[in-house]
Amino acid sequence: MSARYPAPDLNTLPEDIRTKILAVQEKAGFIPNVFLGFARRPAEWRAFFAYHDALMEPESAGRTSNLTKGDREMIVTTTSAANKCLY
């Protein structure tokens, strides 16, 4: 985050967004900037992560996938590396 667009205060975020961000922080040990960046616009945050979850966790939406969880994680890791993203 930058000085022009500082990270929002978690305590001011809607409960559903705060809960998901804190769960990610607990699992990963940090909060990825994308979670905080989108959090300034709750409707867009929810849409982005609904799409993310549909792709990355299809089972939670009652769907099946030909890709294993490992396959999906490898695609994300490869994409992150290609974009020089550290996470």
N, C-alpha and C. Protein backbone atom coordinates (compact mmCIF):
# COMPACT_ATOMS: atom_id res chain seq x y z
N MET A 1 0.85 -1.16 0.00
CA MET A 1 0.00 0.00 0.00
C MET A 1 0.90 1.23 0.00
N SER A 2 0.38 2.31 -0.47
CA SER A 2 1.17 3.53 -0.55
C SER A 2 0.61 4.60 0.38
N ALA A 3 1.34 5.67 0.54
CA ALA A 3 0.87 6.77 1.38
C ALA A 3 -0.40 7.38 0.81
N ARG A 4 -0.51 7.36 -0.51
CA ARG A 4 -1.70 7.93 -1.14
C ARG A 4 -2.93 7.05 -0.91
N TYR A 5 -2.72 5.77 -0.87
CA TYR A 5 -3.81 4.81 -0.64
C TYR A 5 -3.42 3.89 0.51
N PRO A 6 -3.48 4.39 1.73
CA PRO A 6 -3.08 3.55 2.87
C PRO A 6 -4.04 2.38 3.07
N ALA A 7 -3.54 1.35 3.71
CA ALA A 7 -4.37 0.18 4.01
C ALA A 7 -5.52 0.61 4.92
N PRO A 8 -6.71 0.10 4.66
CA PRO A 8 -7.83 0.44 5.54
C PRO A 8 -7.67 -0.20 6.91
N ASP A 9 -8.28 0.40 7.88
CA ASP A 9 -8.29 -0.14 9.24
C ASP A 9 -9.23 -1.35 9.26
N LEU A 10 -8.74 -2.50 9.65
CA LEU A 10 -9.56 -3.72 9.66
C LEU A 10 -10.83 -3.53 10.48
N ASN A 11 -10.77 -2.75 11.54
CA ASN A 11 -11.93 -2.57 12.41
C ASN A 11 -13.06 -1.78 11.75
N THR A 12 -12.78 -1.10 10.64
CA THR A 12 -13.81 -0.32 9.96
C THR A 12 -14.43 -1.08 8.79
N LEU A 13 -13.91 -2.26 8.49
CA LEU A 13 -14.41 -3.03 7.35
C LEU A 13 -15.68 -3.79 7.71
N PRO A 14 -16.52 -4.08 6.71
CA PRO A 14 -17.69 -4.93 6.96
C PRO A 14 -17.27 -6.27 7.55
N GLU A 15 -18.11 -6.82 8.39
CA GLU A 15 -17.79 -8.04 9.14
C GLU A 15 -17.37 -9.19 8.23
N ASP A 16 -18.09 -9.43 7.13
CA ASP A 16 -17.76 -10.57 6.27
C ASP A 16 -16.37 -10.41 5.65
N ILE A 17 -16.02 -9.21 5.28
CA ILE A 17 -14.71 -8.96 4.68
C ILE A 17 -13.62 -9.09 5.74
N ARG A 18 -13.85 -8.50 6.89
CA ARG A 18 -12.86 -8.59 7.98
C ARG A 18 -12.62 -10.04 8.37
N THR A 19 -13.68 -10.83 8.47
CA THR A 19 -13.55 -12.24 8.85
C THR A 19 -12.69 -13.01 7.85
N LYS A 20 -12.92 -12.79 6.56
CA LYS A 20 -12.14 -13.50 5.53
C LYS A 20 -10.68 -13.05 5.56
N ILE A 21 -10.45 -11.75 5.71
CA ILE A 21 -9.08 -11.24 5.75
C ILE A 21 -8.33 -11.81 6.95
N LEU A 22 -8.97 -11.85 8.09
CA LEU A 22 -8.31 -12.39 9.29
C LEU A 22 -8.04 -13.88 9.14
N ALA A 23 -8.93 -14.61 8.47
CA ALA A 23 -8.70 -16.04 8.24
C ALA A 23 -7.48 -16.24 7.33
N VAL A 24 -7.35 -15.40 6.31
CA VAL A 24 -6.19 -15.49 5.43
C VAL A 24 -4.92 -15.15 6.19
N GLN A 25 -4.99 -14.13 7.02
CA GLN A 25 -3.82 -13.74 7.81
C GLN A 25 -3.39 -14.88 8.74
N GLU A 26 -4.35 -15.54 9.34
CA GLU A 26 -4.03 -16.66 10.24
C GLU A 26 -3.37 -17.80 9.47
N LYS A 27 -3.88 -18.09 8.28
CA LYS A 27 -3.37 -19.20 7.49
C LYS A 27 -2.01 -18.87 6.86
N ALA A 28 -1.87 -17.65 6.31
CA ALA A 28 -0.67 -17.30 5.57
C ALA A 28 0.39 -16.60 6.42
N GLY A 29 -0.03 -16.04 7.53
CA GLY A 29 0.92 -15.31 8.37
C GLY A 29 1.04 -13.84 8.00
N PHE A 30 0.33 -13.42 6.97
CA PHE A 30 0.32 -12.02 6.54
C PHE A 30 -0.94 -11.78 5.72
N ILE A 31 -1.23 -10.52 5.44
CA ILE A 31 -2.39 -10.18 4.62
C ILE A 31 -1.89 -9.71 3.26
N PRO A 32 -2.19 -10.45 2.19
CA PRO A 32 -1.79 -10.00 0.85
C PRO A 32 -2.42 -8.64 0.52
N ASN A 33 -1.67 -7.79 -0.15
CA ASN A 33 -2.16 -6.45 -0.47
C ASN A 33 -3.47 -6.45 -1.23
N VAL A 34 -3.70 -7.45 -2.07
CA VAL A 34 -4.94 -7.47 -2.85
C VAL A 34 -6.16 -7.49 -1.93
N PHE A 35 -6.06 -8.16 -0.79
CA PHE A 35 -7.19 -8.21 0.13
C PHE A 35 -7.50 -6.82 0.68
N LEU A 36 -6.46 -6.09 1.04
CA LEU A 36 -6.66 -4.76 1.61
C LEU A 36 -6.98 -3.72 0.53
N GLY A 37 -6.38 -3.86 -0.62
CA GLY A 37 -6.64 -2.91 -1.70
C GLY A 37 -8.10 -2.92 -2.13
N PHE A 38 -8.64 -4.10 -2.34
CA PHE A 38 -10.04 -4.21 -2.73
C PHE A 38 -11.00 -3.90 -1.58
N ALA A 39 -10.55 -4.02 -0.36
CA ALA A 39 -11.43 -3.83 0.80
C ALA A 39 -12.01 -2.43 0.88
N ARG A 40 -11.40 -1.47 0.22
CA ARG A 40 -11.94 -0.10 0.19
C ARG A 40 -13.26 -0.04 -0.57
N ARG A 41 -13.50 -1.03 -1.41
CA ARG A 41 -14.72 -1.07 -2.22
C ARG A 41 -15.38 -2.43 -1.99
N PRO A 42 -16.21 -2.53 -0.96
CA PRO A 42 -16.76 -3.83 -0.56
C PRO A 42 -17.47 -4.60 -1.66
N ALA A 43 -18.24 -3.94 -2.51
CA ALA A 43 -18.96 -4.68 -3.57
C ALA A 43 -17.97 -5.33 -4.53
N GLU A 44 -16.94 -4.59 -4.90
CA GLU A 44 -15.93 -5.13 -5.81
C GLU A 44 -15.12 -6.22 -5.12
N TRP A 45 -14.82 -6.04 -3.84
CA TRP A 45 -14.10 -7.05 -3.06
C TRP A 45 -14.87 -8.36 -3.09
N ARG A 46 -16.16 -8.28 -2.80
CA ARG A 46 -16.99 -9.50 -2.76
C ARG A 46 -17.05 -10.16 -4.13
N ALA A 47 -17.19 -9.38 -5.19
CA ALA A 47 -17.26 -9.94 -6.54
C ALA A 47 -15.94 -10.62 -6.92
N PHE A 48 -14.82 -9.96 -6.64
CA PHE A 48 -13.51 -10.51 -6.97
C PHE A 48 -13.28 -11.83 -6.24
N PHE A 49 -13.57 -11.86 -4.94
CA PHE A 49 -13.28 -13.07 -4.19
C PHE A 49 -14.33 -14.16 -4.41
N ALA A 50 -15.53 -13.80 -4.82
CA ALA A 50 -16.50 -14.83 -5.22
C ALA A 50 -15.98 -15.55 -6.47
N TYR A 51 -15.43 -14.77 -7.40
CA TYR A 51 -14.85 -15.36 -8.61
C TYR A 51 -13.61 -16.19 -8.26
N HIS A 52 -12.76 -15.65 -7.41
CA HIS A 52 -11.57 -16.39 -6.96
C HIS A 52 -11.98 -17.72 -6.35
N ASP A 53 -12.94 -17.69 -5.44
CA ASP A 53 -13.36 -18.91 -4.76
C ASP A 53 -13.99 -19.90 -5.73
N ALA A 54 -14.73 -19.40 -6.72
CA ALA A 54 -15.34 -20.29 -7.72
C ALA A 54 -14.27 -21.03 -8.52
N LEU A 55 -13.16 -20.35 -8.79
CA LEU A 55 -12.07 -20.99 -9.53
C LEU A 55 -11.20 -21.87 -8.65
N MET A 56 -10.88 -21.38 -7.47
CA MET A 56 -9.90 -22.06 -6.62
C MET A 56 -10.52 -23.07 -5.66
N GLU A 57 -11.80 -22.89 -5.34
CA GLU A 57 -12.46 -23.80 -4.40
C GLU A 57 -13.83 -24.21 -4.95
N PRO A 58 -13.87 -24.83 -6.14
CA PRO A 58 -15.16 -25.16 -6.75
C PRO A 58 -16.02 -26.08 -5.88
N GLU A 59 -15.35 -26.88 -5.06
CA GLU A 59 -16.10 -27.80 -4.21
C GLU A 59 -16.98 -27.05 -3.21
N SER A 60 -16.54 -25.86 -2.79
CA SER A 60 -17.33 -25.09 -1.83
C SER A 60 -18.61 -24.55 -2.46
N ALA A 61 -18.65 -24.52 -3.80
CA ALA A 61 -19.84 -24.07 -4.51
C ALA A 61 -20.64 -25.26 -5.04
N GLY A 62 -20.27 -26.47 -4.61
CA GLY A 62 -20.99 -27.66 -5.04
C GLY A 62 -20.65 -28.10 -6.45
N ARG A 63 -19.50 -27.65 -6.97
CA ARG A 63 -19.08 -28.04 -8.31
C ARG A 63 -17.89 -28.97 -8.22
N THR A 64 -17.61 -29.62 -9.32
CA THR A 64 -16.41 -30.44 -9.41
C THR A 64 -15.46 -29.81 -10.42
N SER A 65 -14.22 -30.24 -10.40
CA SER A 65 -13.22 -29.70 -11.31
C SER A 65 -12.33 -30.83 -11.78
N ASN A 66 -11.87 -30.74 -13.02
CA ASN A 66 -10.91 -31.72 -13.53
C ASN A 66 -9.52 -31.45 -13.00
N LEU A 67 -9.31 -30.26 -12.43
CA LEU A 67 -8.02 -29.91 -11.85
C LEU A 67 -8.03 -30.24 -10.36
N THR A 68 -6.95 -30.82 -9.90
CA THR A 68 -6.83 -31.07 -8.47
C THR A 68 -6.48 -29.75 -7.77
N LYS A 69 -6.60 -29.75 -6.46
CA LYS A 69 -6.20 -28.57 -5.69
C LYS A 69 -4.73 -28.25 -5.96
N GLY A 70 -3.90 -29.29 -6.05
CA GLY A 70 -2.49 -29.10 -6.36
C GLY A 70 -2.28 -28.47 -7.73
N ASP A 71 -3.07 -28.90 -8.73
CA ASP A 71 -2.98 -28.31 -10.06
C ASP A 71 -3.30 -26.81 -10.00
N ARG A 72 -4.38 -26.47 -9.31
CA ARG A 72 -4.78 -25.07 -9.20
C ARG A 72 -3.70 -24.25 -8.50
N GLU A 73 -3.13 -24.80 -7.43
CA GLU A 73 -2.08 -24.08 -6.71
C GLU A 73 -0.83 -23.91 -7.57
N MET A 74 -0.51 -24.92 -8.40
CA MET A 74 0.65 -24.81 -9.28
C MET A 74 0.43 -23.71 -10.32
N ILE A 75 -0.78 -23.60 -10.84
CA ILE A 75 -1.09 -22.54 -11.81
C ILE A 75 -0.92 -21.17 -11.15
N VAL A 76 -1.43 -21.03 -9.94
CA VAL A 76 -1.30 -19.76 -9.22
C VAL A 76 0.16 -19.43 -8.95
N THR A 77 0.92 -20.42 -8.50
CA THR A 77 2.34 -20.20 -8.19
C THR A 77 3.12 -19.82 -9.45
N THR A 78 2.87 -20.51 -10.54
CA THR A 78 3.55 -20.22 -11.80
C THR A 78 3.20 -18.82 -12.30
N THR A 79 1.93 -18.47 -12.21
CA THR A 79 1.49 -17.14 -12.63
C THR A 79 2.13 -16.06 -11.76
N SER A 80 2.16 -16.30 -10.46
CA SER A 80 2.79 -15.33 -9.54
C SER A 80 4.27 -15.17 -9.86
N ALA A 81 4.95 -16.27 -10.11
CA ALA A 81 6.38 -16.20 -10.43
C ALA A 81 6.60 -15.45 -11.74
N ALA A 82 5.78 -15.71 -12.73
CA ALA A 82 5.92 -15.02 -14.02
C ALA A 82 5.70 -13.51 -13.87
N ASN A 83 4.86 -13.13 -12.90
CA ASN A 83 4.59 -11.71 -12.65
C ASN A 83 5.49 -11.12 -11.58
N LYS A 84 6.48 -11.91 -11.14
CA LYS A 84 7.42 -11.48 -10.09
C LYS A 84 6.70 -11.07 -8.80
N CYS A 85 5.66 -11.81 -8.49
CA CYS A 85 4.90 -11.60 -7.25
C CYS A 85 5.44 -12.58 -6.21
N LEU A 86 5.67 -12.10 -5.01
CA LEU A 86 6.29 -12.94 -3.98
C LEU A 86 5.31 -13.87 -3.28
N TYR A 87 4.03 -13.75 -3.55
CA TYR A 87 3.06 -14.63 -2.91
C TYR A 87 2.00 -15.06 -3.88
